[in-house]
Protein backbone atom coordinates (compact mmCIF):
# COMPACT_ATOMS: atom_id res chain seq x y z
CA UNK A 1 0.00 0.00 0.00
CA UNK A 2 1.43 3.38 -0.95
CA UNK A 3 1.12 6.65 0.95
CA UNK A 4 -1.68 8.05 -1.22
CA UNK A 5 -3.69 4.89 -0.66
CA UNK A 6 -3.24 5.24 3.11
CA UNK A 7 -4.30 8.90 3.03
CA UNK A 8 -7.36 8.18 0.88
CA UNK A 9 -8.24 5.30 3.19
CA UNK A 10 -8.39 7.65 6.17
CA UNK A 11 -10.39 10.24 4.19
CA UNK A 12 -13.02 7.72 3.06
CA UNK A 13 -13.22 6.20 6.55
CA UNK A 14 -13.94 9.67 7.93
CA UNK A 15 -17.09 9.86 5.78
CA UNK A 16 -18.12 6.21 6.15
CA UNK A 17 -20.83 6.72 8.84
CA UNK A 18 -22.53 9.37 6.69
CA UNK A 19 -22.26 7.20 3.57
CA UNK A 20 -24.02 4.38 5.49
CA UNK A 21 -26.95 6.64 6.33
CA UNK A 22 -27.21 8.10 2.82
CA UNK A 23 -27.02 4.64 1.26
CA UNK A 24 -30.14 3.63 3.20
CA UNK A 25 -31.92 6.88 2.28
CA UNK A 26 -31.05 6.44 -1.40
CA UNK A 27 -33.76 3.78 -1.69
CA UNK A 28 -36.31 6.59 -1.99
CA UNK A 29 -34.31 9.39 -3.65
CA UNK A 30 -30.79 10.14 -4.86
CA UNK A 31 -28.52 11.40 -2.08
CA UNK A 32 -25.63 13.88 -2.22
CA UNK A 33 -22.78 14.23 0.26
CA UNK A 34 -20.61 17.33 0.00
CA UNK A 35 -17.06 16.45 0.99
CA UNK A 36 -14.26 18.68 2.22
CA UNK A 37 -11.95 19.61 -0.67
CA UNK A 38 -9.00 20.11 1.69
CA UNK A 39 -9.15 16.45 2.80
CA UNK A 40 -8.56 15.30 -0.75
CA UNK A 41 -5.91 17.90 -1.54
CA UNK A 42 -3.91 16.79 1.51
CA UNK A 43 -4.31 13.14 0.63
CA UNK A 44 -3.44 13.62 -3.03
CA UNK A 45 -0.64 16.10 -2.47
CA UNK A 46 -1.94 18.43 -5.17
CA UNK A 47 -4.36 21.31 -5.35
CA UNK A 48 -7.42 21.52 -7.56
CA UNK A 49 -6.94 18.07 -9.03
CA UNK A 50 -10.51 17.83 -10.24
CA UNK A 51 -11.13 14.30 -9.02
CA UNK A 52 -14.04 12.59 -10.74
CA UNK A 53 -15.24 9.02 -10.99
CA UNK A 54 -18.32 6.84 -11.28
CA UNK A 55 -18.63 3.37 -9.82
CA UNK A 56 -21.63 1.14 -10.41
CA UNK A 57 -22.09 -1.72 -7.98
CA UNK A 58 -24.00 -4.65 -9.42
CA UNK A 59 -24.59 -7.65 -7.15
CA UNK A 60 -22.15 -6.26 -4.61
CA UNK A 61 -19.27 -5.78 -7.04
CA UNK A 62 -18.01 -2.81 -9.04
CA UNK A 63 -18.79 -3.16 -12.75
CA UNK A 64 -15.35 -1.97 -13.90
CA UNK A 65 -11.68 -2.18 -12.93
CA UNK A 66 -10.01 0.96 -11.69
CA UNK A 67 -6.37 -0.05 -11.68
CA UNK A 68 -3.95 2.81 -11.18
CA UNK A 69 -6.54 5.07 -9.56
CA UNK A 70 -5.84 5.08 -5.83
CA UNK A 71 -8.81 7.31 -5.02
CA UNK A 72 -11.37 4.95 -6.57
CA UNK A 73 -9.66 1.73 -5.49
CA UNK A 74 -9.56 2.92 -1.90
CA UNK A 75 -13.21 4.04 -2.05
CA UNK A 76 -14.27 0.61 -3.30
CA UNK A 77 -12.24 -1.27 -0.69
CA UNK A 78 -13.57 0.89 2.16
CA UNK A 79 -17.16 0.25 1.04
CA UNK A 80 -16.62 -3.48 0.61
CA UNK A 81 -14.94 -3.92 4.00
CA UNK A 82 -17.78 -2.23 5.88
CA UNK A 83 -20.27 -4.94 6.89
CA UNK A 84 -23.40 -2.73 6.81
CA UNK A 85 -22.60 -1.16 3.44
CA UNK A 86 -21.48 -4.43 1.90
CA UNK A 87 -24.80 -5.98 2.94
CA UNK A 88 -26.70 -3.22 1.09
CA UNK A 89 -24.43 -3.49 -1.95
CA UNK A 90 -24.98 -7.24 -2.22
CA UNK A 91 -28.79 -6.90 -2.13
CA UNK A 92 -29.22 -3.88 -4.44
CA UNK A 93 -27.49 -2.08 -7.28
CA UNK A 94 -26.02 1.38 -6.64
CA UNK A 95 -24.22 4.08 -8.59
CA UNK A 96 -21.68 6.30 -6.82
CA UNK A 97 -20.57 9.43 -8.64
CA UNK A 98 -17.83 11.68 -7.31
CA UNK A 99 -17.83 15.09 -9.01
CA UNK A 100 -15.10 17.68 -9.45
CA UNK A 101 -17.01 19.78 -6.89
CA UNK A 102 -16.26 17.14 -4.23
CA UNK A 103 -19.80 15.82 -4.11
CA UNK A 104 -20.54 12.13 -3.72
CA UNK A 105 -23.86 11.23 -5.32
CA UNK A 106 -25.46 7.95 -4.29
CA UNK A 107 -28.19 6.48 -6.45
CA UNK A 108 -30.15 3.29 -5.84
CA UNK A 109 -30.48 1.51 -9.20
CA UNK A 110 -32.44 -1.62 -8.33
CA UNK A 111 -35.84 -1.91 -9.89
CA UNK A 112 -38.37 -3.03 -7.32
CA UNK A 113 -42.06 -3.40 -7.78
CA UNK A 114 -44.20 -1.83 -5.09
CA UNK A 115 -46.27 -4.41 -3.20
CA UNK A 116 -49.49 -2.51 -3.95
CA UNK A 117 -49.00 -2.98 -7.71
CA UNK A 118 -48.30 -6.65 -7.17
CA UNK A 119 -51.50 -7.03 -5.15
CA UNK A 120 -53.59 -5.45 -7.91
CA UNK A 121 -52.02 -7.74 -10.52
CA UNK A 122 -52.63 -10.79 -8.34
CA UNK A 123 -56.26 -9.78 -7.79
CA UNK A 124 -56.85 -9.35 -11.52
CA UNK A 125 -55.34 -12.76 -12.17
CA UNK A 126 -57.53 -14.38 -9.52
CA UNK A 127 -60.69 -12.74 -10.87
CA UNK A 128 -60.05 -13.82 -14.46
C-alpha atoms as a PDB file:
ATOM      1  CA  UNK A   1       0.000   0.000   0.000  1.00  0.00           C
ATOM      2  CA  UNK A   2       1.426   3.381  -0.947  1.00  0.00           C
ATOM      3  CA  UNK A   3       1.116   6.654   0.953  1.00  0.00           C
ATOM      4  CA  UNK A   4      -1.684   8.049  -1.220  1.00  0.00           C
ATOM      5  CA  UNK A   5      -3.687   4.888  -0.664  1.00  0.00           C
ATOM      6  CA  UNK A   6      -3.238   5.243   3.110  1.00  0.00           C
ATOM      7  CA  UNK A   7      -4.298   8.899   3.030  1.00  0.00           C
ATOM      8  CA  UNK A   8      -7.356   8.179   0.879  1.00  0.00           C
ATOM      9  CA  UNK A   9      -8.236   5.298   3.189  1.00  0.00           C
ATOM     10  CA  UNK A  10      -8.387   7.655   6.175  1.00  0.00           C
ATOM     11  CA  UNK A  11     -10.386  10.242   4.193  1.00  0.00           C
ATOM     12  CA  UNK A  12     -13.017   7.717   3.062  1.00  0.00           C
ATOM     13  CA  UNK A  13     -13.215   6.204   6.552  1.00  0.00           C
ATOM     14  CA  UNK A  14     -13.936   9.668   7.926  1.00  0.00           C
ATOM     15  CA  UNK A  15     -17.091   9.863   5.776  1.00  0.00           C
ATOM     16  CA  UNK A  16     -18.124   6.211   6.153  1.00  0.00           C
ATOM     17  CA  UNK A  17     -20.831   6.725   8.843  1.00  0.00           C
ATOM     18  CA  UNK A  18     -22.531   9.368   6.693  1.00  0.00           C
ATOM     19  CA  UNK A  19     -22.264   7.199   3.573  1.00  0.00           C
ATOM     20  CA  UNK A  20     -24.015   4.375   5.489  1.00  0.00           C
ATOM     21  CA  UNK A  21     -26.953   6.641   6.328  1.00  0.00           C
ATOM     22  CA  UNK A  22     -27.214   8.099   2.821  1.00  0.00           C
ATOM     23  CA  UNK A  23     -27.015   4.642   1.265  1.00  0.00           C
ATOM     24  CA  UNK A  24     -30.139   3.634   3.200  1.00  0.00           C
ATOM     25  CA  UNK A  25     -31.918   6.880   2.278  1.00  0.00           C
ATOM     26  CA  UNK A  26     -31.050   6.441  -1.403  1.00  0.00           C
ATOM     27  CA  UNK A  27     -33.764   3.778  -1.693  1.00  0.00           C
ATOM     28  CA  UNK A  28     -36.307   6.594  -1.990  1.00  0.00           C
ATOM     29  CA  UNK A  29     -34.313   9.385  -3.653  1.00  0.00           C
ATOM     30  CA  UNK A  30     -30.785  10.143  -4.864  1.00  0.00           C
ATOM     31  CA  UNK A  31     -28.521  11.401  -2.081  1.00  0.00           C
ATOM     32  CA  UNK A  32     -25.628  13.880  -2.224  1.00  0.00           C
ATOM     33  CA  UNK A  33     -22.782  14.230   0.260  1.00  0.00           C
ATOM     34  CA  UNK A  34     -20.606  17.333  -0.002  1.00  0.00           C
ATOM     35  CA  UNK A  35     -17.061  16.445   0.991  1.00  0.00           C
ATOM     36  CA  UNK A  36     -14.263  18.680   2.220  1.00  0.00           C
ATOM     37  CA  UNK A  37     -11.947  19.611  -0.674  1.00  0.00           C
ATOM     38  CA  UNK A  38      -9.002  20.107   1.694  1.00  0.00           C
ATOM     39  CA  UNK A  39      -9.149  16.450   2.805  1.00  0.00           C
ATOM     40  CA  UNK A  40      -8.556  15.300  -0.754  1.00  0.00           C
ATOM     41  CA  UNK A  41      -5.909  17.898  -1.536  1.00  0.00           C
ATOM     42  CA  UNK A  42      -3.907  16.794   1.514  1.00  0.00           C
ATOM     43  CA  UNK A  43      -4.311  13.141   0.629  1.00  0.00           C
ATOM     44  CA  UNK A  44      -3.440  13.622  -3.032  1.00  0.00           C
ATOM     45  CA  UNK A  45      -0.645  16.098  -2.467  1.00  0.00           C
ATOM     46  CA  UNK A  46      -1.943  18.427  -5.174  1.00  0.00           C
ATOM     47  CA  UNK A  47      -4.364  21.309  -5.346  1.00  0.00           C
ATOM     48  CA  UNK A  48      -7.422  21.524  -7.562  1.00  0.00           C
ATOM     49  CA  UNK A  49      -6.940  18.072  -9.029  1.00  0.00           C
ATOM     50  CA  UNK A  50     -10.512  17.827 -10.242  1.00  0.00           C
ATOM     51  CA  UNK A  51     -11.129  14.305  -9.021  1.00  0.00           C
ATOM     52  CA  UNK A  52     -14.041  12.587 -10.741  1.00  0.00           C
ATOM     53  CA  UNK A  53     -15.235   9.024 -10.985  1.00  0.00           C
ATOM     54  CA  UNK A  54     -18.324   6.845 -11.283  1.00  0.00           C
ATOM     55  CA  UNK A  55     -18.631   3.366  -9.815  1.00  0.00           C
ATOM     56  CA  UNK A  56     -21.631   1.139 -10.409  1.00  0.00           C
ATOM     57  CA  UNK A  57     -22.087  -1.719  -7.980  1.00  0.00           C
ATOM     58  CA  UNK A  58     -24.002  -4.655  -9.415  1.00  0.00           C
ATOM     59  CA  UNK A  59     -24.592  -7.651  -7.148  1.00  0.00           C
ATOM     60  CA  UNK A  60     -22.149  -6.257  -4.608  1.00  0.00           C
ATOM     61  CA  UNK A  61     -19.266  -5.782  -7.039  1.00  0.00           C
ATOM     62  CA  UNK A  62     -18.006  -2.815  -9.042  1.00  0.00           C
ATOM     63  CA  UNK A  63     -18.791  -3.162 -12.746  1.00  0.00           C
ATOM     64  CA  UNK A  64     -15.349  -1.972 -13.897  1.00  0.00           C
ATOM     65  CA  UNK A  65     -11.681  -2.179 -12.932  1.00  0.00           C
ATOM     66  CA  UNK A  66     -10.009   0.964 -11.694  1.00  0.00           C
ATOM     67  CA  UNK A  67      -6.366  -0.053 -11.677  1.00  0.00           C
ATOM     68  CA  UNK A  68      -3.953   2.809 -11.184  1.00  0.00           C
ATOM     69  CA  UNK A  69      -6.540   5.071  -9.564  1.00  0.00           C
ATOM     70  CA  UNK A  70      -5.836   5.078  -5.825  1.00  0.00           C
ATOM     71  CA  UNK A  71      -8.806   7.311  -5.016  1.00  0.00           C
ATOM     72  CA  UNK A  72     -11.370   4.950  -6.570  1.00  0.00           C
ATOM     73  CA  UNK A  73      -9.664   1.733  -5.491  1.00  0.00           C
ATOM     74  CA  UNK A  74      -9.563   2.923  -1.902  1.00  0.00           C
ATOM     75  CA  UNK A  75     -13.207   4.043  -2.054  1.00  0.00           C
ATOM     76  CA  UNK A  76     -14.268   0.608  -3.296  1.00  0.00           C
ATOM     77  CA  UNK A  77     -12.236  -1.268  -0.692  1.00  0.00           C
ATOM     78  CA  UNK A  78     -13.574   0.892   2.162  1.00  0.00           C
ATOM     79  CA  UNK A  79     -17.162   0.250   1.042  1.00  0.00           C
ATOM     80  CA  UNK A  80     -16.619  -3.482   0.613  1.00  0.00           C
ATOM     81  CA  UNK A  81     -14.941  -3.921   4.002  1.00  0.00           C
ATOM     82  CA  UNK A  82     -17.782  -2.226   5.877  1.00  0.00           C
ATOM     83  CA  UNK A  83     -20.270  -4.936   6.890  1.00  0.00           C
ATOM     84  CA  UNK A  84     -23.396  -2.727   6.806  1.00  0.00           C
ATOM     85  CA  UNK A  85     -22.598  -1.157   3.438  1.00  0.00           C
ATOM     86  CA  UNK A  86     -21.478  -4.434   1.896  1.00  0.00           C
ATOM     87  CA  UNK A  87     -24.801  -5.979   2.939  1.00  0.00           C
ATOM     88  CA  UNK A  88     -26.704  -3.220   1.093  1.00  0.00           C
ATOM     89  CA  UNK A  89     -24.432  -3.494  -1.947  1.00  0.00           C
ATOM     90  CA  UNK A  90     -24.983  -7.238  -2.224  1.00  0.00           C
ATOM     91  CA  UNK A  91     -28.787  -6.903  -2.134  1.00  0.00           C
ATOM     92  CA  UNK A  92     -29.219  -3.879  -4.438  1.00  0.00           C
ATOM     93  CA  UNK A  93     -27.487  -2.081  -7.275  1.00  0.00           C
ATOM     94  CA  UNK A  94     -26.023   1.379  -6.644  1.00  0.00           C
ATOM     95  CA  UNK A  95     -24.216   4.080  -8.588  1.00  0.00           C
ATOM     96  CA  UNK A  96     -21.684   6.303  -6.819  1.00  0.00           C
ATOM     97  CA  UNK A  97     -20.572   9.435  -8.640  1.00  0.00           C
ATOM     98  CA  UNK A  98     -17.827  11.683  -7.306  1.00  0.00           C
ATOM     99  CA  UNK A  99     -17.832  15.089  -9.010  1.00  0.00           C
ATOM    100  CA  UNK A 100     -15.102  17.679  -9.445  1.00  0.00           C
ATOM    101  CA  UNK A 101     -17.010  19.783  -6.889  1.00  0.00           C
ATOM    102  CA  UNK A 102     -16.259  17.138  -4.234  1.00  0.00           C
ATOM    103  CA  UNK A 103     -19.798  15.820  -4.112  1.00  0.00           C
ATOM    104  CA  UNK A 104     -20.543  12.130  -3.721  1.00  0.00           C
ATOM    105  CA  UNK A 105     -23.858  11.233  -5.318  1.00  0.00           C
ATOM    106  CA  UNK A 106     -25.463   7.951  -4.287  1.00  0.00           C
ATOM    107  CA  UNK A 107     -28.193   6.483  -6.454  1.00  0.00           C
ATOM    108  CA  UNK A 108     -30.148   3.287  -5.839  1.00  0.00           C
ATOM    109  CA  UNK A 109     -30.476   1.508  -9.204  1.00  0.00           C
ATOM    110  CA  UNK A 110     -32.442  -1.621  -8.332  1.00  0.00           C
ATOM    111  CA  UNK A 111     -35.838  -1.911  -9.885  1.00  0.00           C
ATOM    112  CA  UNK A 112     -38.365  -3.029  -7.322  1.00  0.00           C
ATOM    113  CA  UNK A 113     -42.063  -3.400  -7.776  1.00  0.00           C
ATOM    114  CA  UNK A 114     -44.203  -1.832  -5.090  1.00  0.00           C
ATOM    115  CA  UNK A 115     -46.266  -4.406  -3.200  1.00  0.00           C
ATOM    116  CA  UNK A 116     -49.491  -2.506  -3.951  1.00  0.00           C
ATOM    117  CA  UNK A 117     -48.997  -2.984  -7.706  1.00  0.00           C
ATOM    118  CA  UNK A 118     -48.297  -6.647  -7.168  1.00  0.00           C
ATOM    119  CA  UNK A 119     -51.497  -7.027  -5.145  1.00  0.00           C
ATOM    120  CA  UNK A 120     -53.586  -5.450  -7.909  1.00  0.00           C
ATOM    121  CA  UNK A 121     -52.024  -7.740 -10.520  1.00  0.00           C
ATOM    122  CA  UNK A 122     -52.631 -10.789  -8.337  1.00  0.00           C
ATOM    123  CA  UNK A 123     -56.265  -9.780  -7.787  1.00  0.00           C
ATOM    124  CA  UNK A 124     -56.846  -9.348 -11.524  1.00  0.00           C
ATOM    125  CA  UNK A 125     -55.336 -12.763 -12.170  1.00  0.00           C
ATOM    126  CA  UNK A 126     -57.530 -14.378  -9.525  1.00  0.00           C
ATOM    127  CA  UNK A 127     -60.694 -12.736 -10.866  1.00  0.00           C
ATOM    128  CA  UNK A 128     -60.052 -13.817 -14.464  1.00  0.00           C
END
